[in-house]
C-alpha atoms as a PDB file:
ATOM      1  CA  MET A   1     -42.026  20.005 -25.517  1.00  0.00           C
ATOM      2  CA  ARG A   2     -42.133  18.023 -22.349  1.00  0.00           C
ATOM      3  CA  GLN A   3     -39.675  15.179 -24.033  1.00  0.00           C
ATOM      4  CA  GLY A   4     -37.539  17.685 -25.354  1.00  0.00           C
ATOM      5  CA  LYS A   5     -37.112  18.694 -21.486  1.00  0.00           C
ATOM      6  CA  LEU A   6     -36.891  15.274 -19.940  1.00  0.00           C
ATOM      7  CA  ASP A   7     -34.164  14.900 -22.707  1.00  0.00           C
ATOM      8  CA  LYS A   8     -32.454  17.797 -21.049  1.00  0.00           C
ATOM      9  CA  ILE A   9     -32.576  16.681 -17.643  1.00  0.00           C
ATOM     10  CA  ASP A  10     -31.432  13.355 -18.579  1.00  0.00           C
ATOM     11  CA  ILE A  11     -28.277  14.913 -20.171  1.00  0.00           C
ATOM     12  CA  LEU A  12     -27.505  17.224 -17.366  1.00  0.00           C
ATOM     13  CA  ASN A  13     -28.025  14.596 -15.125  1.00  0.00           C
ATOM     14  CA  GLY A  14     -25.670  12.382 -17.094  1.00  0.00           C
ATOM     15  CA  LYS A  15     -23.345  15.123 -17.439  1.00  0.00           C
ATOM     16  CA  VAL A  16     -22.984  15.870 -13.884  1.00  0.00           C
ATOM     17  CA  LEU A  17     -22.568  12.168 -12.889  1.00  0.00           C
ATOM     18  CA  ARG A  18     -19.651  12.118 -15.249  1.00  0.00           C
ATOM     19  CA  LEU A  19     -18.356  15.350 -13.602  1.00  0.00           C
ATOM     20  CA  CYS A  20     -18.736  13.604 -10.153  1.00  0.00           C
ATOM     21  CA  GLU A  21     -16.577  10.761 -11.915  1.00  0.00           C
ATOM     22  CA  MET A  22     -13.997  12.502 -12.800  1.00  0.00           C
ATOM     23  CA  MET A  23     -14.188  14.302  -9.350  1.00  0.00           C
ATOM     24  CA  GLU A  24     -13.781  10.947  -7.775  1.00  0.00           C
ATOM     25  CA  THR A  25     -11.072  10.076 -10.053  1.00  0.00           C
ATOM     26  CA  GLU A  26      -8.880  13.069  -9.414  1.00  0.00           C
ATOM     27  CA  THR A  27      -9.583  12.512  -5.732  1.00  0.00           C
ATOM     28  CA  GLU A  28      -8.021   8.914  -6.089  1.00  0.00           C
ATOM     29  CA  MET A  29      -4.684  10.423  -8.134  1.00  0.00           C
ATOM     30  CA  CYS A  30      -4.428  13.074  -5.336  1.00  0.00           C
ATOM     31  CA  THR A  31      -4.209  10.206  -2.784  1.00  0.00           C
ATOM     32  CA  ASP A  32      -1.971   8.475  -4.495  1.00  0.00           C
ATOM     33  CA  LEU A  33       0.476  11.235  -5.101  1.00  0.00           C
ATOM     34  CA  LEU A  34      -0.161  12.153  -1.357  1.00  0.00           C
ATOM     35  CA  GLU A  35       1.482   8.654  -0.845  1.00  0.00           C
ATOM     36  CA  LEU A  36       4.094   9.296  -3.556  1.00  0.00           C
ATOM     37  CA  SER A  37       4.867  12.162  -1.441  1.00  0.00           C
ATOM     38  CA  LYS A  38       5.233  10.641   1.526  1.00  0.00           C
ATOM     39  CA  SER A  39       7.638   7.935   0.788  1.00  0.00           C
ATOM     40  CA  GLU A  40       9.433  10.612  -1.003  1.00  0.00           C
ATOM     41  CA  GLN A  41       9.939  12.502   2.159  1.00  0.00           C
ATOM     42  CA  HIS A  42      10.969   8.888   3.721  1.00  0.00           C
ATOM     43  CA  TYR A  43      13.443   8.244   1.174  1.00  0.00           C
ATOM     44  CA  LEU A  44      14.881  11.717   1.738  1.00  0.00           C
ATOM     45  CA  MET A  45      15.639  11.256   5.196  1.00  0.00           C
ATOM     46  CA  LYS A  46      16.824   7.632   4.129  1.00  0.00           C
ATOM     47  CA  ASN A  47      19.217   9.047   1.584  1.00  0.00           C
ATOM     48  CA  LYS A  48      17.745   6.066  -1.137  1.00  0.00           C
ATOM     49  CA  ILE A  49      18.609   7.966  -3.906  1.00  0.00           C
ATOM     50  CA  ASP A  50      18.110   5.311  -6.483  1.00  0.00           C
ATOM     51  CA  ILE A  51      14.370   4.752  -4.626  1.00  0.00           C
ATOM     52  CA  LEU A  52      14.107   8.249  -4.644  1.00  0.00           C
ATOM     53  CA  LEU A  53      14.749   8.605  -8.333  1.00  0.00           C
ATOM     54  CA  GLU A  54      11.963   5.951  -9.046  1.00  0.00           C
ATOM     55  CA  ASN A  55       9.396   7.748  -6.717  1.00  0.00           C
ATOM     56  CA  THR A  56       9.926  11.012  -8.907  1.00  0.00           C
ATOM     57  CA  LYS A  57       9.592   9.522 -12.023  1.00  0.00           C
ATOM     58  CA  LYS A  58       6.023   7.945 -10.347  1.00  0.00           C
ATOM     59  CA  MET A  59       5.067  11.316  -9.096  1.00  0.00           C
ATOM     60  CA  LYS A  60       5.594  13.039 -12.612  1.00  0.00           C
ATOM     61  CA  GLY A  61       3.611  10.709 -14.423  1.00  0.00           C
ATOM     62  CA  ALA A  62       0.664  10.871 -11.796  1.00  0.00           C
ATOM     63  CA  VAL A  63       1.132  14.725 -12.072  1.00  0.00           C
ATOM     64  CA  ILE A  64       0.786  14.617 -15.770  1.00  0.00           C
ATOM     65  CA  ARG A  65      -2.377  12.590 -15.814  1.00  0.00           C
ATOM     66  CA  LEU A  66      -4.070  14.423 -12.939  1.00  0.00           C
ATOM     67  CA  LYS A  67      -3.145  17.580 -15.405  1.00  0.00           C
ATOM     68  CA  GLU A  68      -5.197  15.723 -17.632  1.00  0.00           C
ATOM     69  CA  LEU A  69      -8.086  15.006 -15.715  1.00  0.00           C
ATOM     70  CA  GLN A  70      -8.503  18.237 -14.619  1.00  0.00           C
ATOM     71  CA  LYS A  71      -8.544  19.590 -18.464  1.00  0.00           C
ATOM     72  CA  ILE A  72     -11.261  16.802 -18.817  1.00  0.00           C
ATOM     73  CA  ARG A  73     -13.054  17.909 -15.740  1.00  0.00           C
ATOM     74  CA  ARG A  74     -13.109  21.673 -16.731  1.00  0.00           C
ATOM     75  CA  LYS A  75     -14.575  20.313 -20.148  1.00  0.00           C
ATOM     76  CA  PHE A  76     -17.244  18.949 -18.402  1.00  0.00           C
ATOM     77  CA  MET A  77     -17.972  21.874 -15.885  1.00  0.00           C
ATOM     78  CA  GLU A  78     -18.510  24.203 -19.359  1.00  0.00           C
ATOM     79  CA  GLU A  79     -20.880  21.318 -20.862  1.00  0.00           C
ATOM     80  CA  VAL A  80     -22.947  21.173 -17.391  1.00  0.00           C
ATOM     81  CA  GLY A  81     -22.571  25.079 -17.166  1.00  0.00           C
ATOM     82  CA  SER A  82     -23.996  25.414 -20.490  1.00  0.00           C
ATOM     83  CA  LEU A  83     -26.738  23.383 -20.253  1.00  0.00           C
ATOM     84  CA  LEU A  84     -27.846  25.464 -16.811  1.00  0.00           C
ATOM     85  CA  ALA A  85     -27.091  28.643 -18.579  1.00  0.00           C
ATOM     86  CA  ILE A  86     -24.508  29.558 -16.489  1.00  0.00           C
ATOM     87  CA  ASP A  87     -21.945  32.547 -17.950  1.00  0.00           C
ATOM     88  CA  SER A  88     -18.301  30.602 -19.221  1.00  0.00           C
ATOM     89  CA  GLU A  89     -16.809  33.090 -16.950  1.00  0.00           C
ATOM     90  CA  ASP A  90     -18.788  31.903 -14.229  1.00  0.00           C
ATOM     91  CA  VAL A  91     -18.432  28.067 -14.260  1.00  0.00           C
ATOM     92  CA  SER A  92     -17.390  26.191 -11.078  1.00  0.00           C
ATOM     93  CA  VAL A  93     -18.166  23.563  -9.289  1.00  0.00           C
ATOM     94  CA  ILE A  94     -20.238  25.604  -6.854  1.00  0.00           C
ATOM     95  CA  ASN A  95     -21.834  27.467  -9.127  1.00  0.00           C
ATOM     96  CA  ILE A  96     -23.042  24.733 -10.658  1.00  0.00           C
ATOM     97  CA  THR A  97     -24.240  23.134  -7.402  1.00  0.00           C
ATOM     98  CA  ASP A  98     -26.102  26.321  -6.687  1.00  0.00           C
ATOM     99  CA  SER A  99     -28.236  25.743  -9.951  1.00  0.00           C
ATOM    100  CA  LEU A 100     -29.109  21.614  -8.744  1.00  0.00           C
ATOM    101  CA  TYR A 101     -31.397  20.196  -6.675  1.00  0.00           C
ATOM    102  CA  GLY A 102     -31.347  16.910  -4.792  1.00  0.00           C
ATOM    103  CA  ASP A 103     -29.371  13.653  -5.071  1.00  0.00           C
ATOM    104  CA  LEU A 104     -27.303  15.380  -7.951  1.00  0.00           C
ATOM    105  CA  LYS A 105     -26.759  18.491  -6.040  1.00  0.00           C
ATOM    106  CA  THR A 106     -25.704  16.629  -2.707  1.00  0.00           C
ATOM    107  CA  LYS A 107     -23.277  13.869  -4.754  1.00  0.00           C
ATOM    108  CA  LEU A 108     -21.735  17.073  -6.253  1.00  0.00           C
ATOM    109  CA  LEU A 109     -21.010  19.067  -3.007  1.00  0.00           C
ATOM    110  CA  GLN A 110     -19.228  16.009  -1.542  1.00  0.00           C
ATOM    111  CA  CYS A 111     -17.275  14.907  -4.836  1.00  0.00           C
ATOM    112  CA  ARG A 112     -15.836  18.439  -4.445  1.00  0.00           C
ATOM    113  CA  LYS A 113     -15.643  17.856  -0.528  1.00  0.00           C
ATOM    114  CA  LYS A 114     -13.310  15.100  -0.896  1.00  0.00           C
ATOM    115  CA  LEU A 115     -11.065  16.560  -4.076  1.00  0.00           C
ATOM    116  CA  VAL A 116     -10.699  19.766  -1.829  1.00  0.00           C
ATOM    117  CA  LYS A 117      -9.471  17.741   1.197  1.00  0.00           C
ATOM    118  CA  ALA A 118      -7.577  15.393  -0.934  1.00  0.00           C
ATOM    119  CA  GLY A 119      -5.915  18.334  -2.832  1.00  0.00           C
ATOM    120  CA  ASP A 120      -5.259  20.155   0.465  1.00  0.00           C
ATOM    121  CA  ARG A 121      -3.505  17.278   2.176  1.00  0.00           C
ATOM    122  CA  LEU A 122      -1.302  16.933  -0.802  1.00  0.00           C
ATOM    123  CA  TYR A 123      -0.432  20.913  -1.237  1.00  0.00           C
ATOM    124  CA  GLU A 124       0.658  20.442   2.958  1.00  0.00           C
ATOM    125  CA  SER A 125       2.532  17.646   2.311  1.00  0.00           C
ATOM    126  CA  ASN A 126       4.435  18.875  -0.724  1.00  0.00           C
ATOM    127  CA  HIS A 127       5.117  22.061   1.136  1.00  0.00           C
ATOM    128  CA  ASN A 128       6.295  19.745   4.072  1.00  0.00           C
ATOM    129  CA  THR A 129       8.892  18.081   1.297  1.00  0.00           C
ATOM    130  CA  VAL A 130      10.345  21.337   0.234  1.00  0.00           C
ATOM    131  CA  TYR A 131      10.417  22.383   3.660  1.00  0.00           C
ATOM    132  CA  LEU A 132      12.623  18.939   4.382  1.00  0.00           C
ATOM    133  CA  VAL A 133      14.552  19.606   0.885  1.00  0.00           C
ATOM    134  CA  ASN A 134      15.355  23.410   1.949  1.00  0.00           C
ATOM    135  CA  PHE A 135      16.512  22.284   5.484  1.00  0.00           C
ATOM    136  CA  SER A 136      18.836  19.744   4.095  1.00  0.00           C
ATOM    137  CA  LEU A 137      20.186  22.194   1.336  1.00  0.00           C
ATOM    138  CA  ASP A 138      21.107  24.363   4.277  1.00  0.00           C
ATOM    139  CA  LEU A 139      22.584  21.963   6.339  1.00  0.00           C
ATOM    140  CA  LEU A 140      25.255  21.370   3.482  1.00  0.00           C
ATOM    141  CA  GLU A 141      25.692  24.656   3.042  1.00  0.00           C
ATOM    142  CA  GLN A 142      26.912  25.044   6.608  1.00  0.00           C
ATOM    143  CA  GLN A 143      28.748  22.338   6.577  1.00  0.00           C
ATOM    144  CA  SER A 144      30.671  23.414   3.230  1.00  0.00           C
ATOM    145  CA  GLU A 145      31.582  26.313   4.642  1.00  0.00           C
ATOM    146  CA  LEU A 146      32.605  24.651   7.876  1.00  0.00           C
ATOM    147  CA  TRP A 147      34.526  22.578   5.482  1.00  0.00           C
ATOM    148  CA  LYS A 148      35.868  25.734   3.290  1.00  0.00           C
ATOM    149  CA  GLU A 149      36.975  27.426   6.949  1.00  0.00           C
ATOM    150  CA  LEU A 150      39.115  24.468   8.153  1.00  0.00           C
ATOM    151  CA  ALA A 151      40.618  24.111   4.677  1.00  0.00           C
ATOM    152  CA  SER A 152      41.966  27.488   4.878  1.00  0.00           C
ATOM    153  CA  ALA A 153      43.017  27.538   8.492  1.00  0.00           C
ATOM    154  CA  ASP A 154      46.154  29.046   9.345  1.00  0.00           C
ATOM    155  CA  GLU A 155      49.254  26.622   9.266  1.00  0.00           C
ATOM    156  CA  GLU A 156      50.092  25.925  12.347  1.00  0.00           C
ATOM    157  CA  GLY A 157      53.198  24.168  14.095  1.00  0.00           C
ATOM    158  CA  TYR A 158      53.046  20.964  15.490  1.00  0.00           C
ATOM    159  CA  THR A 159      55.435  18.253  16.502  1.00  0.00           C
ATOM    160  CA  ASP A 160      54.823  14.754  14.272  1.00  0.00           C
ATOM    161  CA  SER A 161      55.633  11.536  15.615  1.00  0.00           C
ATOM    162  CA  SER A 162      59.407  11.427  14.745  1.00  0.00           C
ATOM    163  CA  GLY A 163      59.671  14.637  17.239  1.00  0.00           C
ATOM    164  CA  LYS A 164      60.435  17.331  14.089  1.00  0.00           C
ATOM    165  CA  GLU A 165      58.407  20.160  14.184  1.00  0.00           C
ATOM    166  CA  ASN A 166      56.496  20.740  11.367  1.00  0.00           C
ATOM    167  CA  LYS A 167      55.064  24.125  10.295  1.00  0.00           C
ATOM    168  CA  LYS A 168      53.067  22.805   7.108  1.00  0.00           C
ATOM    169  CA  ALA A 169      50.010  20.595   8.652  1.00  0.00           C
ATOM    170  CA  TYR A 170      46.869  22.194   9.013  1.00  0.00           C
ATOM    171  CA  ALA A 171      44.347  22.073  12.094  1.00  0.00           C
ATOM    172  CA  VAL A 172      42.824  18.688  11.164  1.00  0.00           C
ATOM    173  CA  ALA A 173      45.255  15.817   9.387  1.00  0.00           C
ATOM    174  CA  VAL A 174      43.472  13.034   6.905  1.00  0.00           C
ATOM    175  CA  GLU A 175      44.961   9.876   6.793  1.00  0.00           C
ATOM    176  CA  GLU A 176      44.875   7.449   4.086  1.00  0.00           C
ATOM    177  CA  LYS A 177      43.187   3.964   4.955  1.00  0.00           C
ATOM    178  CA  ALA A 178      45.627   1.112   4.369  1.00  0.00           C
END
């Protein structure tokens, strides 16, 4: 009987350590996404469209990988929860750590803290990027309205270089480059 209990503890320890590894990998992926997000903001401000497109492809790949990691982590959490007799509806990292003790509990809590911190930083960066894009779109819309206003300006009379009065000109003339 004692051997069965030790086997269960070894299995639990192995699964919790694997869960920690998954969370560490997720944290690394969040950090990578954060760097891509920061470079995205830079490329947006510098209007480097080609590089921005490549950066966006990298971000899409990283997001897909992060989602896969989250599914795997969820599976490990459910397995650990089952070993700890945690109801499947209540499985969470916090509930798992509440059932652990010692170094294993400390390690899982540290992994959770790092992942949450990386996720928060990523969320903030994403929020800043969305703000930057929306701000840029607002400015473009304002410029567009100004150009519409300019194009629909009432006809004004002016005298051209030959001294003739012209009534068909708009407020701003556009010249062709030679």
